[in-house]
């Protein structure tokens, strides 16, 4: 039985029917624990009473909190937690509320039966900030929706201009400001380039203002908030994908671009350093360094042979290491071990 705390996007092959891939029914609680904690806990308690699962798998602070509260007074199932971000680096515990939340988070994770992290960077982060060790590194798998779009890598130029995609929410840690400065320098040097920003966010207005101040507004497209398939479709039309993040726990969008055959230039930070192998499956640059990012874009744009080599190697790497077929058995093994230990 798969219990969801809010609406999710299922691949079209699974929509409207129990997914054979996980051999389960789906119960949607229609309540996100961050916005509706008490509602989520109450509905989760009812679902647990009906299902009586042996394992509860949660994500994020509010997932751990709601799962822990929901199992109070129950014949508690085994609790599994996935750690997915560098939250205490991006949002330091510098207020009374954040300090309290951090202590609660650490306490709950230490009481959790199994803790996995999506990358070594995330595991080290939680060990440093919460003194919580992880049982295993289990990366996220490539979203199933990508398979509906991706066929094989394609590195040929699509238009006369270089179309660079920057997918992700427009927030400080995603590095949009560095990207704009890099694009500005390339345009100033005569490159025919377009920047396609895929996603919206709280800093969208200020980033738009920056593009206008730099005099490159006509070369930058802001697509706003997009559903997942629309974003993937747009990404598949790019020549280069840039991920200039300042912090990144994993970097699922890097996997998506690589699976779509789009060459990736990413910051050398967090989980991105583990996904993108510099010079083999993509290029990496220092975070917050527009000049280095511009040079990497220019290097790829002027070297079709390198672009083809990187995309082919990246495509094979993603399919081998991050496909559902590669990751699902790892989790099934974890679930089986916990079941036998009960």
C-alpha atoms as a PDB file:
ATOM      1  CA  UNK A   1       0.000   0.000   0.000  1.00  0.00           C
ATOM      2  CA  UNK A   2       1.376   3.388  -0.990  1.00  0.00           C
ATOM      3  CA  UNK A   3       0.239   6.313   1.148  1.00  0.00           C
ATOM      4  CA  UNK A   4       0.771   9.810  -0.226  1.00  0.00           C
ATOM      5  CA  UNK A   5       0.522  13.025   1.763  1.00  0.00           C
ATOM      6  CA  UNK A   6      -0.439  15.181  -1.192  1.00  0.00           C
ATOM      7  CA  UNK A   7      -1.049  15.209  -4.929  1.00  0.00           C
ATOM      8  CA  UNK A   8       1.712  13.722  -7.058  1.00  0.00           C
ATOM      9  CA  UNK A   9       2.231  13.383 -10.769  1.00  0.00           C
ATOM     10  CA  UNK A  10       2.169   9.780 -11.888  1.00  0.00           C
ATOM     11  CA  UNK A  11       3.421   8.697 -15.307  1.00  0.00           C
ATOM     12  CA  UNK A  12       0.531   8.359 -17.733  1.00  0.00           C
ATOM     13  CA  UNK A  13       0.985   4.595 -17.884  1.00  0.00           C
ATOM     14  CA  UNK A  14       0.150   4.423 -14.177  1.00  0.00           C
ATOM     15  CA  UNK A  15      -2.504   7.112 -13.955  1.00  0.00           C
ATOM     16  CA  UNK A  16      -5.957   5.924 -12.926  1.00  0.00           C
ATOM     17  CA  UNK A  17      -4.954   2.414 -11.911  1.00  0.00           C
ATOM     18  CA  UNK A  18      -2.888   0.687  -9.225  1.00  0.00           C
ATOM     19  CA  UNK A  19       0.701   0.759 -10.479  1.00  0.00           C
ATOM     20  CA  UNK A  20       1.908  -2.756 -11.232  1.00  0.00           C
ATOM     21  CA  UNK A  21       5.468  -1.527 -10.822  1.00  0.00           C
ATOM     22  CA  UNK A  22       5.008  -1.339  -7.055  1.00  0.00           C
ATOM     23  CA  UNK A  23       2.110  -3.803  -6.814  1.00  0.00           C
ATOM     24  CA  UNK A  24       0.137  -1.547  -4.498  1.00  0.00           C
ATOM     25  CA  UNK A  25      -2.947   0.555  -4.092  1.00  0.00           C
ATOM     26  CA  UNK A  26      -2.634   4.278  -3.500  1.00  0.00           C
ATOM     27  CA  UNK A  27      -4.180   6.217  -0.638  1.00  0.00           C
ATOM     28  CA  UNK A  28      -3.824   9.975  -1.026  1.00  0.00           C
ATOM     29  CA  UNK A  29      -4.188  11.907   2.216  1.00  0.00           C
ATOM     30  CA  UNK A  30      -4.524  15.200   0.286  1.00  0.00           C
ATOM     31  CA  UNK A  31      -2.724  17.061   3.039  1.00  0.00           C
ATOM     32  CA  UNK A  32       0.884  18.203   3.096  1.00  0.00           C
ATOM     33  CA  UNK A  33       2.451  17.974   6.558  1.00  0.00           C
ATOM     34  CA  UNK A  34       4.163  21.345   6.248  1.00  0.00           C
ATOM     35  CA  UNK A  35       0.932  23.266   5.622  1.00  0.00           C
ATOM     36  CA  UNK A  36      -1.553  20.981   7.387  1.00  0.00           C
ATOM     37  CA  UNK A  37       0.379  19.047  10.019  1.00  0.00           C
ATOM     38  CA  UNK A  38      -2.510  18.099  12.323  1.00  0.00           C
ATOM     39  CA  UNK A  39      -4.796  17.158   9.425  1.00  0.00           C
ATOM     40  CA  UNK A  40      -2.058  15.057   7.913  1.00  0.00           C
ATOM     41  CA  UNK A  41      -1.331  13.299  11.203  1.00  0.00           C
ATOM     42  CA  UNK A  42      -5.019  12.525  11.805  1.00  0.00           C
ATOM     43  CA  UNK A  43      -5.526  11.140   8.305  1.00  0.00           C
ATOM     44  CA  UNK A  44      -2.294   9.195   8.462  1.00  0.00           C
ATOM     45  CA  UNK A  45      -3.342   7.629  11.789  1.00  0.00           C
ATOM     46  CA  UNK A  46      -6.622   6.470  10.235  1.00  0.00           C
ATOM     47  CA  UNK A  47      -4.776   5.084   7.217  1.00  0.00           C
ATOM     48  CA  UNK A  48      -2.309   3.233   9.445  1.00  0.00           C
ATOM     49  CA  UNK A  49      -5.166   1.724  11.470  1.00  0.00           C
ATOM     50  CA  UNK A  50      -6.758   0.426   8.279  1.00  0.00           C
ATOM     51  CA  UNK A  51      -3.586  -0.721   6.520  1.00  0.00           C
ATOM     52  CA  UNK A  52      -1.466  -1.773   9.518  1.00  0.00           C
ATOM     53  CA  UNK A  53       1.806  -1.513   7.585  1.00  0.00           C
ATOM     54  CA  UNK A  54       5.086  -2.970   8.738  1.00  0.00           C
ATOM     55  CA  UNK A  55       7.067   0.001   7.423  1.00  0.00           C
ATOM     56  CA  UNK A  56       6.483   3.743   7.210  1.00  0.00           C
ATOM     57  CA  UNK A  57       8.841   5.580   4.848  1.00  0.00           C
ATOM     58  CA  UNK A  58       9.015   9.355   5.291  1.00  0.00           C
ATOM     59  CA  UNK A  59      10.886  12.284   3.781  1.00  0.00           C
ATOM     60  CA  UNK A  60      11.860  15.712   5.126  1.00  0.00           C
ATOM     61  CA  UNK A  61      11.484  17.171   8.617  1.00  0.00           C
ATOM     62  CA  UNK A  62       7.704  17.419   8.437  1.00  0.00           C
ATOM     63  CA  UNK A  63       7.447  13.895   7.071  1.00  0.00           C
ATOM     64  CA  UNK A  64       9.469  12.544   9.993  1.00  0.00           C
ATOM     65  CA  UNK A  65       7.431  14.654  12.421  1.00  0.00           C
ATOM     66  CA  UNK A  66       4.029  13.609  11.058  1.00  0.00           C
ATOM     67  CA  UNK A  67       5.058   9.957  10.832  1.00  0.00           C
ATOM     68  CA  UNK A  68       6.341   9.980  14.400  1.00  0.00           C
ATOM     69  CA  UNK A  69       3.199  11.662  15.755  1.00  0.00           C
ATOM     70  CA  UNK A  70       0.905   9.352  13.798  1.00  0.00           C
ATOM     71  CA  UNK A  71       2.459   6.214  15.275  1.00  0.00           C
ATOM     72  CA  UNK A  72       2.223   7.307  18.934  1.00  0.00           C
ATOM     73  CA  UNK A  73       0.237   4.748  20.887  1.00  0.00           C
ATOM     74  CA  UNK A  74       0.246   2.315  17.980  1.00  0.00           C
ATOM     75  CA  UNK A  75       1.996  -0.979  17.516  1.00  0.00           C
ATOM     76  CA  UNK A  76       4.611   1.116  15.782  1.00  0.00           C
ATOM     77  CA  UNK A  77       5.814  -0.028  12.366  1.00  0.00           C
ATOM     78  CA  UNK A  78       9.466   0.355  11.409  1.00  0.00           C
ATOM     79  CA  UNK A  79      10.272   3.923  10.433  1.00  0.00           C
ATOM     80  CA  UNK A  80      12.455   4.686   7.416  1.00  0.00           C
ATOM     81  CA  UNK A  81      13.632   8.228   6.659  1.00  0.00           C
ATOM     82  CA  UNK A  82      15.180   9.552   3.467  1.00  0.00           C
ATOM     83  CA  UNK A  83      17.441  12.600   3.794  1.00  0.00           C
ATOM     84  CA  UNK A  84      17.382  14.675   0.645  1.00  0.00           C
ATOM     85  CA  UNK A  85      18.785  18.178   1.081  1.00  0.00           C
ATOM     86  CA  UNK A  86      21.397  20.437   2.658  1.00  0.00           C
ATOM     87  CA  UNK A  87      18.765  22.304   4.615  1.00  0.00           C
ATOM     88  CA  UNK A  88      20.899  23.482   7.501  1.00  0.00           C
ATOM     89  CA  UNK A  89      23.446  24.920   5.101  1.00  0.00           C
ATOM     90  CA  UNK A  90      20.923  26.776   2.959  1.00  0.00           C
ATOM     91  CA  UNK A  91      18.773  27.827   5.942  1.00  0.00           C
ATOM     92  CA  UNK A  92      20.952  28.000   9.079  1.00  0.00           C
ATOM     93  CA  UNK A  93      19.360  27.461  12.477  1.00  0.00           C
ATOM     94  CA  UNK A  94      19.776  31.123  13.426  1.00  0.00           C
ATOM     95  CA  UNK A  95      16.392  31.787  15.045  1.00  0.00           C
ATOM     96  CA  UNK A  96      14.793  30.322  18.159  1.00  0.00           C
ATOM     97  CA  UNK A  97      12.229  28.439  16.059  1.00  0.00           C
ATOM     98  CA  UNK A  98      14.861  27.001  13.711  1.00  0.00           C
ATOM     99  CA  UNK A  99      17.091  25.965  16.621  1.00  0.00           C
ATOM    100  CA  UNK A 100      14.165  24.189  18.289  1.00  0.00           C
ATOM    101  CA  UNK A 101      13.168  22.516  15.016  1.00  0.00           C
ATOM    102  CA  UNK A 102      16.745  21.360  14.471  1.00  0.00           C
ATOM    103  CA  UNK A 103      16.875  19.726  17.910  1.00  0.00           C
ATOM    104  CA  UNK A 104      13.539  18.000  17.317  1.00  0.00           C
ATOM    105  CA  UNK A 105      14.696  16.810  13.896  1.00  0.00           C
ATOM    106  CA  UNK A 106      17.846  15.269  15.325  1.00  0.00           C
ATOM    107  CA  UNK A 107      15.937  13.613  18.158  1.00  0.00           C
ATOM    108  CA  UNK A 108      13.385  12.049  15.806  1.00  0.00           C
ATOM    109  CA  UNK A 109      15.990  10.841  13.305  1.00  0.00           C
ATOM    110  CA  UNK A 110      18.002   9.150  16.042  1.00  0.00           C
ATOM    111  CA  UNK A 111      14.847   7.219  16.967  1.00  0.00           C
ATOM    112  CA  UNK A 112      14.265   6.204  13.339  1.00  0.00           C
ATOM    113  CA  UNK A 113      14.924   2.568  12.440  1.00  0.00           C
ATOM    114  CA  UNK A 114      16.670   3.213   9.116  1.00  0.00           C
ATOM    115  CA  UNK A 115      18.103   6.421   7.691  1.00  0.00           C
ATOM    116  CA  UNK A 116      19.214   6.764   4.077  1.00  0.00           C
ATOM    117  CA  UNK A 117      20.685   9.760   2.270  1.00  0.00           C
ATOM    118  CA  UNK A 118      20.450  10.517  -1.436  1.00  0.00           C
ATOM    119  CA  UNK A 119      24.127  11.472  -1.658  1.00  0.00           C
ATOM    120  CA  UNK A 120      27.351  11.404   0.317  1.00  0.00           C
ATOM    121  CA  UNK A 121      27.110  15.182   0.617  1.00  0.00           C
ATOM    122  CA  UNK A 122      23.726  14.905   2.319  1.00  0.00           C
ATOM    123  CA  UNK A 123      24.954  12.140   4.634  1.00  0.00           C
ATOM    124  CA  UNK A 124      27.926  14.278   5.702  1.00  0.00           C
ATOM    125  CA  UNK A 125      25.663  17.292   6.150  1.00  0.00           C
ATOM    126  CA  UNK A 126      23.332  15.561   8.620  1.00  0.00           C
ATOM    127  CA  UNK A 127      26.216  13.946  10.467  1.00  0.00           C
ATOM    128  CA  UNK A 128      27.809  17.370  10.896  1.00  0.00           C
ATOM    129  CA  UNK A 129      24.686  19.337  11.812  1.00  0.00           C
ATOM    130  CA  UNK A 130      22.526  16.788  13.652  1.00  0.00           C
ATOM    131  CA  UNK A 131      25.062  14.116  14.586  1.00  0.00           C
ATOM    132  CA  UNK A 132      22.868  11.622  12.808  1.00  0.00           C
ATOM    133  CA  UNK A 133      24.558   8.841  10.867  1.00  0.00           C
ATOM    134  CA  UNK A 134      23.069   7.187   7.799  1.00  0.00           C
ATOM    135  CA  UNK A 135      22.689   3.479   7.192  1.00  0.00           C
ATOM    136  CA  UNK A 136      23.182   3.742   3.440  1.00  0.00           C
ATOM    137  CA  UNK A 137      23.508   6.107   0.469  1.00  0.00           C
ATOM    138  CA  UNK A 138      20.568   5.468  -1.866  1.00  0.00           C
ATOM    139  CA  UNK A 139      20.252   8.025  -4.655  1.00  0.00           C
ATOM    140  CA  UNK A 140      16.974   9.090  -6.167  1.00  0.00           C
ATOM    141  CA  UNK A 141      15.978   7.277  -9.322  1.00  0.00           C
ATOM    142  CA  UNK A 142      15.266   8.880 -12.653  1.00  0.00           C
ATOM    143  CA  UNK A 143      11.581   9.954 -12.696  1.00  0.00           C
ATOM    144  CA  UNK A 144       9.425   7.644 -14.790  1.00  0.00           C
ATOM    145  CA  UNK A 145       7.997  10.591 -16.724  1.00  0.00           C
ATOM    146  CA  UNK A 146      11.363  11.090 -18.423  1.00  0.00           C
ATOM    147  CA  UNK A 147      10.968   7.737 -20.144  1.00  0.00           C
ATOM    148  CA  UNK A 148       7.928   9.057 -21.956  1.00  0.00           C
ATOM    149  CA  UNK A 149      10.032  11.786 -23.568  1.00  0.00           C
ATOM    150  CA  UNK A 150      13.576  10.449 -23.762  1.00  0.00           C
ATOM    151  CA  UNK A 151      14.550   8.082 -26.548  1.00  0.00           C
ATOM    152  CA  UNK A 152      18.295   8.469 -27.150  1.00  0.00           C
ATOM    153  CA  UNK A 153      20.892  11.179 -26.718  1.00  0.00           C
ATOM    154  CA  UNK A 154      20.923  13.906 -29.341  1.00  0.00           C
ATOM    155  CA  UNK A 155      23.657  16.502 -29.425  1.00  0.00           C
ATOM    156  CA  UNK A 156      23.038  18.250 -32.738  1.00  0.00           C
ATOM    157  CA  UNK A 157      22.378  21.998 -32.807  1.00  0.00           C
ATOM    158  CA  UNK A 158      18.638  22.717 -32.967  1.00  0.00           C
ATOM    159  CA  UNK A 159      18.656  26.372 -34.022  1.00  0.00           C
ATOM    160  CA  UNK A 160      21.172  28.978 -35.168  1.00  0.00           C
ATOM    161  CA  UNK A 161      21.401  30.286 -31.617  1.00  0.00           C
ATOM    162  CA  UNK A 162      22.661  28.360 -28.598  1.00  0.00           C
ATOM    163  CA  UNK A 163      19.676  27.591 -26.416  1.00  0.00           C
ATOM    164  CA  UNK A 164      20.679  27.214 -22.774  1.00  0.00           C
ATOM    165  CA  UNK A 165      18.115  25.886 -20.274  1.00  0.00           C
ATOM    166  CA  UNK A 166      18.197  26.612 -16.556  1.00  0.00           C
ATOM    167  CA  UNK A 167      15.589  24.419 -14.824  1.00  0.00           C
ATOM    168  CA  UNK A 168      14.586  24.940 -11.200  1.00  0.00           C
ATOM    169  CA  UNK A 169      12.783  27.259  -8.812  1.00  0.00           C
ATOM    170  CA  UNK A 170      13.941  30.845  -8.861  1.00  0.00           C
ATOM    171  CA  UNK A 171      15.449  31.008  -5.405  1.00  0.00           C
ATOM    172  CA  UNK A 172      18.833  32.255  -4.241  1.00  0.00           C
ATOM    173  CA  UNK A 173      20.525  28.878  -3.968  1.00  0.00           C
ATOM    174  CA  UNK A 174      19.819  27.940  -7.613  1.00  0.00           C
ATOM    175  CA  UNK A 175      22.289  30.528  -8.898  1.00  0.00           C
ATOM    176  CA  UNK A 176      20.168  32.397 -11.449  1.00  0.00           C
ATOM    177  CA  UNK A 177      22.064  35.637 -10.880  1.00  0.00           C
ATOM    178  CA  UNK A 178      25.375  34.047 -11.849  1.00  0.00           C
ATOM    179  CA  UNK A 179      23.750  32.579 -14.942  1.00  0.00           C
ATOM    180  CA  UNK A 180      22.513  35.994 -16.087  1.00  0.00           C
ATOM    181  CA  UNK A 181      25.946  37.541 -15.664  1.00  0.00           C
ATOM    182  CA  UNK A 182      27.510  34.664 -17.630  1.00  0.00           C
ATOM    183  CA  UNK A 183      24.998  35.033 -20.466  1.00  0.00           C
ATOM    184  CA  UNK A 184      25.533  38.794 -20.510  1.00  0.00           C
ATOM    185  CA  UNK A 185      29.274  38.342 -20.978  1.00  0.00           C
ATOM    186  CA  UNK A 186      28.758  35.832 -23.800  1.00  0.00           C
ATOM    187  CA  UNK A 187      26.320  38.129 -25.618  1.00  0.00           C
ATOM    188  CA  UNK A 188      28.766  41.013 -25.191  1.00  0.00           C
ATOM    189  CA  UNK A 189      31.440  38.851 -26.818  1.00  0.00           C
ATOM    190  CA  UNK A 190      29.182  38.153 -29.794  1.00  0.00           C
ATOM    191  CA  UNK A 191      27.670  34.756 -29.054  1.00  0.00           C
ATOM    192  CA  UNK A 192      24.150  34.111 -30.373  1.00  0.00           C
ATOM    193  CA  UNK A 193      22.653  32.676 -27.198  1.00  0.00           C
ATOM    194  CA  UNK A 194      19.248  32.398 -25.543  1.00  0.00           C
ATOM    195  CA  UNK A 195      18.598  31.555 -21.898  1.00  0.00           C
ATOM    196  CA  UNK A 196      15.431  29.593 -21.124  1.00  0.00           C
ATOM    197  CA  UNK A 197      14.531  29.740 -17.418  1.00  0.00           C
ATOM    198  CA  UNK A 198      12.270  26.790 -16.604  1.00  0.00           C
ATOM    199  CA  UNK A 199      10.405  27.447 -13.381  1.00  0.00           C
ATOM    200  CA  UNK A 200       9.137  30.246 -11.205  1.00  0.00           C
ATOM    201  CA  UNK A 201       9.724  31.307  -7.657  1.00  0.00           C
ATOM    202  CA  UNK A 202       9.849  34.106  -5.111  1.00  0.00           C
ATOM    203  CA  UNK A 203      12.814  35.841  -6.758  1.00  0.00           C
ATOM    204  CA  UNK A 204      11.372  35.837 -10.278  1.00  0.00           C
ATOM    205  CA  UNK A 205      10.635  39.576 -10.318  1.00  0.00           C
ATOM    206  CA  UNK A 206      14.101  40.546  -9.095  1.00  0.00           C
ATOM    207  CA  UNK A 207      15.808  38.176 -11.552  1.00  0.00           C
ATOM    208  CA  UNK A 208      13.736  39.667 -14.382  1.00  0.00           C
ATOM    209  CA  UNK A 209      14.821  43.107 -13.219  1.00  0.00           C
ATOM    210  CA  UNK A 210      18.438  41.975 -13.266  1.00  0.00           C
ATOM    211  CA  UNK A 211      18.122  40.754 -16.851  1.00  0.00           C
ATOM    212  CA  UNK A 212      16.701  44.160 -17.819  1.00  0.00           C
ATOM    213  CA  UNK A 213      19.474  45.999 -15.968  1.00  0.00           C
ATOM    214  CA  UNK A 214      22.064  43.914 -17.837  1.00  0.00           C
ATOM    215  CA  UNK A 215      20.361  44.726 -21.137  1.00  0.00           C
ATOM    216  CA  UNK A 216      19.671  41.079 -22.019  1.00  0.00           C
ATOM    217  CA  UNK A 217      15.927  40.827 -21.323  1.00  0.00           C
ATOM    218  CA  UNK A 218      15.164  40.037 -24.978  1.00  0.00           C
ATOM    219  CA  UNK A 219      17.545  37.064 -24.812  1.00  0.00           C
ATOM    220  CA  UNK A 220      15.996  35.534 -21.669  1.00  0.00           C
ATOM    221  CA  UNK A 221      12.691  33.657 -21.530  1.00  0.00           C
ATOM    222  CA  UNK A 222      10.912  33.250 -18.193  1.00  0.00           C
ATOM    223  CA  UNK A 223       8.472  30.333 -18.382  1.00  0.00           C
ATOM    224  CA  UNK A 224       7.087  30.630 -14.852  1.00  0.00           C
ATOM    225  CA  UNK A 225       5.813  27.670 -12.875  1.00  0.00           C
ATOM    226  CA  UNK A 226       5.570  24.601 -15.100  1.00  0.00           C
ATOM    227  CA  UNK A 227       4.179  21.115 -14.593  1.00  0.00           C
ATOM    228  CA  UNK A 228       6.778  18.382 -14.744  1.00  0.00           C
ATOM    229  CA  UNK A 229       6.053  17.101 -18.254  1.00  0.00           C
ATOM    230  CA  UNK A 230       6.016  20.598 -19.720  1.00  0.00           C
ATOM    231  CA  UNK A 231       9.374  21.304 -18.095  1.00  0.00           C
ATOM    232  CA  UNK A 232      10.861  18.057 -19.411  1.00  0.00           C
ATOM    233  CA  UNK A 233       9.565  18.741 -22.909  1.00  0.00           C
ATOM    234  CA  UNK A 234      11.045  22.223 -22.893  1.00  0.00           C
ATOM    235  CA  UNK A 235      14.308  20.936 -21.455  1.00  0.00           C
ATOM    236  CA  UNK A 236      14.555  18.325 -24.215  1.00  0.00           C
ATOM    237  CA  UNK A 237      14.623  21.156 -26.771  1.00  0.00           C
ATOM    238  CA  UNK A 238      17.726  22.810 -25.269  1.00  0.00           C
ATOM    239  CA  UNK A 239      21.302  22.600 -26.525  1.00  0.00           C
ATOM    240  CA  UNK A 240      22.861  22.882 -23.060  1.00  0.00           C
ATOM    241  CA  UNK A 241      21.499  22.557 -19.526  1.00  0.00           C
ATOM    242  CA  UNK A 242      23.141  24.635 -16.809  1.00  0.00           C
ATOM    243  CA  UNK A 243      22.699  24.006 -13.082  1.00  0.00           C
ATOM    244  CA  UNK A 244      24.652  26.815 -11.354  1.00  0.00           C
ATOM    245  CA  UNK A 245      23.443  25.969  -7.840  1.00  0.00           C
ATOM    246  CA  UNK A 246      25.107  27.325  -4.725  1.00  0.00           C
ATOM    247  CA  UNK A 247      23.792  24.371  -2.668  1.00  0.00           C
ATOM    248  CA  UNK A 248      22.366  21.080  -3.913  1.00  0.00           C
ATOM    249  CA  UNK A 249      21.667  17.923  -1.942  1.00  0.00           C
ATOM    250  CA  UNK A 250      21.220  15.754  -5.001  1.00  0.00           C
ATOM    251  CA  UNK A 251      20.253  17.354  -8.314  1.00  0.00           C
ATOM    252  CA  UNK A 252      17.508  15.278  -9.931  1.00  0.00           C
ATOM    253  CA  UNK A 253      17.297  17.745 -12.829  1.00  0.00           C
ATOM    254  CA  UNK A 254      20.844  16.773 -13.813  1.00  0.00           C
ATOM    255  CA  UNK A 255      19.684  13.176 -14.223  1.00  0.00           C
ATOM    256  CA  UNK A 256      16.708  14.333 -16.275  1.00  0.00           C
ATOM    257  CA  UNK A 257      18.850  16.399 -18.633  1.00  0.00           C
ATOM    258  CA  UNK A 258      21.390  13.600 -19.014  1.00  0.00           C
ATOM    259  CA  UNK A 259      18.630  11.096 -19.790  1.00  0.00           C
ATOM    260  CA  UNK A 260      17.215  13.501 -22.379  1.00  0.00           C
ATOM    261  CA  UNK A 261      20.587  13.708 -24.103  1.00  0.00           C
ATOM    262  CA  UNK A 262      21.262  17.316 -23.095  1.00  0.00           C
ATOM    263  CA  UNK A 263      24.856  18.132 -22.069  1.00  0.00           C
ATOM    264  CA  UNK A 264      25.065  19.383 -18.494  1.00  0.00           C
ATOM    265  CA  UNK A 265      27.180  22.106 -16.930  1.00  0.00           C
ATOM    266  CA  UNK A 266      26.737  22.097 -13.164  1.00  0.00           C
ATOM    267  CA  UNK A 267      28.277  23.677 -10.118  1.00  0.00           C
ATOM    268  CA  UNK A 268      30.721  21.496  -8.253  1.00  0.00           C
ATOM    269  CA  UNK A 269      28.635  21.327  -5.085  1.00  0.00           C
ATOM    270  CA  UNK A 270      26.847  18.707  -3.004  1.00  0.00           C
ATOM    271  CA  UNK A 271      25.220  15.828  -4.807  1.00  0.00           C
ATOM    272  CA  UNK A 272      25.871  17.375  -8.216  1.00  0.00           C
ATOM    273  CA  UNK A 273      29.555  16.529  -7.741  1.00  0.00           C
ATOM    274  CA  UNK A 274      28.557  12.877  -7.435  1.00  0.00           C
ATOM    275  CA  UNK A 275      26.239  12.837 -10.456  1.00  0.00           C
ATOM    276  CA  UNK A 276      28.239  14.846 -12.992  1.00  0.00           C
ATOM    277  CA  UNK A 277      31.777  13.603 -13.650  1.00  0.00           C
ATOM    278  CA  UNK A 278      33.771  16.521 -15.005  1.00  0.00           C
ATOM    279  CA  UNK A 279      34.976  15.918 -18.538  1.00  0.00           C
ATOM    280  CA  UNK A 280      33.254  12.528 -18.767  1.00  0.00           C
ATOM    281  CA  UNK A 281      29.487  12.967 -18.277  1.00  0.00           C
ATOM    282  CA  UNK A 282      29.387  16.769 -18.154  1.00  0.00           C
ATOM    283  CA  UNK A 283      31.316  19.853 -17.092  1.00  0.00           C
ATOM    284  CA  UNK A 284      31.570  21.320 -13.615  1.00  0.00           C
ATOM    285  CA  UNK A 285      32.322  24.876 -12.535  1.00  0.00           C
ATOM    286  CA  UNK A 286      32.859  26.656  -9.244  1.00  0.00           C
ATOM    287  CA  UNK A 287      29.623  27.891  -7.638  1.00  0.00           C
ATOM    288  CA  UNK A 288      28.944  31.618  -7.924  1.00  0.00           C
ATOM    289  CA  UNK A 289      31.550  32.059 -10.667  1.00  0.00           C
ATOM    290  CA  UNK A 290      29.903  33.602 -13.784  1.00  0.00           C
ATOM    291  CA  UNK A 291      33.171  33.866 -15.701  1.00  0.00           C
ATOM    292  CA  UNK A 292      33.891  30.151 -15.289  1.00  0.00           C
ATOM    293  CA  UNK A 293      30.303  29.296 -16.241  1.00  0.00           C
ATOM    294  CA  UNK A 294      30.547  31.449 -19.381  1.00  0.00           C
ATOM    295  CA  UNK A 295      33.774  29.725 -20.434  1.00  0.00           C
ATOM    296  CA  UNK A 296      32.184  26.303 -19.978  1.00  0.00           C
ATOM    297  CA  UNK A 297      29.161  27.260 -22.103  1.00  0.00           C
ATOM    298  CA  UNK A 298      31.438  28.657 -24.816  1.00  0.00           C
ATOM    299  CA  UNK A 299      33.614  25.553 -24.700  1.00  0.00           C
ATOM    300  CA  UNK A 300      30.667  23.208 -25.226  1.00  0.00           C
ATOM    301  CA  UNK A 301      28.989  25.392 -27.847  1.00  0.00           C
ATOM    302  CA  UNK A 302      32.158  25.424 -29.947  1.00  0.00           C
ATOM    303  CA  UNK A 303      32.968  21.730 -29.622  1.00  0.00           C
ATOM    304  CA  UNK A 304      30.223  19.479 -31.092  1.00  0.00           C
ATOM    305  CA  UNK A 305      32.469  16.438 -30.710  1.00  0.00           C
ATOM    306  CA  UNK A 306      32.806  17.011 -26.965  1.00  0.00           C
ATOM    307  CA  UNK A 307      29.081  17.669 -26.695  1.00  0.00           C
ATOM    308  CA  UNK A 308      28.334  14.354 -28.380  1.00  0.00           C
ATOM    309  CA  UNK A 309      30.849  12.447 -26.250  1.00  0.00           C
ATOM    310  CA  UNK A 310      29.522  13.875 -22.978  1.00  0.00           C
ATOM    311  CA  UNK A 311      25.875  13.285 -23.808  1.00  0.00           C
ATOM    312  CA  UNK A 312      26.433   9.680 -24.836  1.00  0.00           C
ATOM    313  CA  UNK A 313      28.456   8.897 -21.697  1.00  0.00           C
ATOM    314  CA  UNK A 314      25.919  10.686 -19.478  1.00  0.00           C
ATOM    315  CA  UNK A 315      22.977   8.861 -21.059  1.00  0.00           C
ATOM    316  CA  UNK A 316      24.596   5.480 -20.386  1.00  0.00           C
ATOM    317  CA  UNK A 317      25.583   6.465 -16.850  1.00  0.00           C
ATOM    318  CA  UNK A 318      22.051   7.509 -15.904  1.00  0.00           C
ATOM    319  CA  UNK A 319      20.475   4.361 -17.293  1.00  0.00           C
ATOM    320  CA  UNK A 320      23.037   2.175 -15.535  1.00  0.00           C
ATOM    321  CA  UNK A 321      23.116   3.844 -12.115  1.00  0.00           C
ATOM    322  CA  UNK A 322      19.893   5.792 -11.625  1.00  0.00           C
ATOM    323  CA  UNK A 323      17.102   3.978 -13.448  1.00  0.00           C
ATOM    324  CA  UNK A 324      14.131   2.627 -11.532  1.00  0.00           C
ATOM    325  CA  UNK A 325      15.430  -0.871 -12.288  1.00  0.00           C
ATOM    326  CA  UNK A 326      18.690   0.017 -10.538  1.00  0.00           C
ATOM    327  CA  UNK A 327      17.272   1.806  -7.467  1.00  0.00           C
ATOM    328  CA  UNK A 328      14.003  -0.036  -6.705  1.00  0.00           C
ATOM    329  CA  UNK A 329      15.687  -3.357  -5.782  1.00  0.00           C
ATOM    330  CA  UNK A 330      17.889  -1.533  -3.285  1.00  0.00           C
ATOM    331  CA  UNK A 331      14.852  -0.192  -1.454  1.00  0.00           C
ATOM    332  CA  UNK A 332      13.061  -3.532  -1.641  1.00  0.00           C
ATOM    333  CA  UNK A 333      16.089  -5.115   0.014  1.00  0.00           C
ATOM    334  CA  UNK A 334      15.950  -2.530   2.808  1.00  0.00           C
ATOM    335  CA  UNK A 335      12.231  -3.145   3.356  1.00  0.00           C
ATOM    336  CA  UNK A 336      12.775  -6.911   3.470  1.00  0.00           C
ATOM    337  CA  UNK A 337      15.555  -6.599   6.034  1.00  0.00           C
ATOM    338  CA  UNK A 338      13.424  -4.418   8.293  1.00  0.00           C
ATOM    339  CA  UNK A 339      10.463  -6.789   7.943  1.00  0.00           C
ATOM    340  CA  UNK A 340      12.538  -9.806   8.947  1.00  0.00           C
ATOM    341  CA  UNK A 341      13.952  -7.923  11.950  1.00  0.00           C
ATOM    342  CA  UNK A 342      10.529  -7.215  13.437  1.00  0.00           C
END
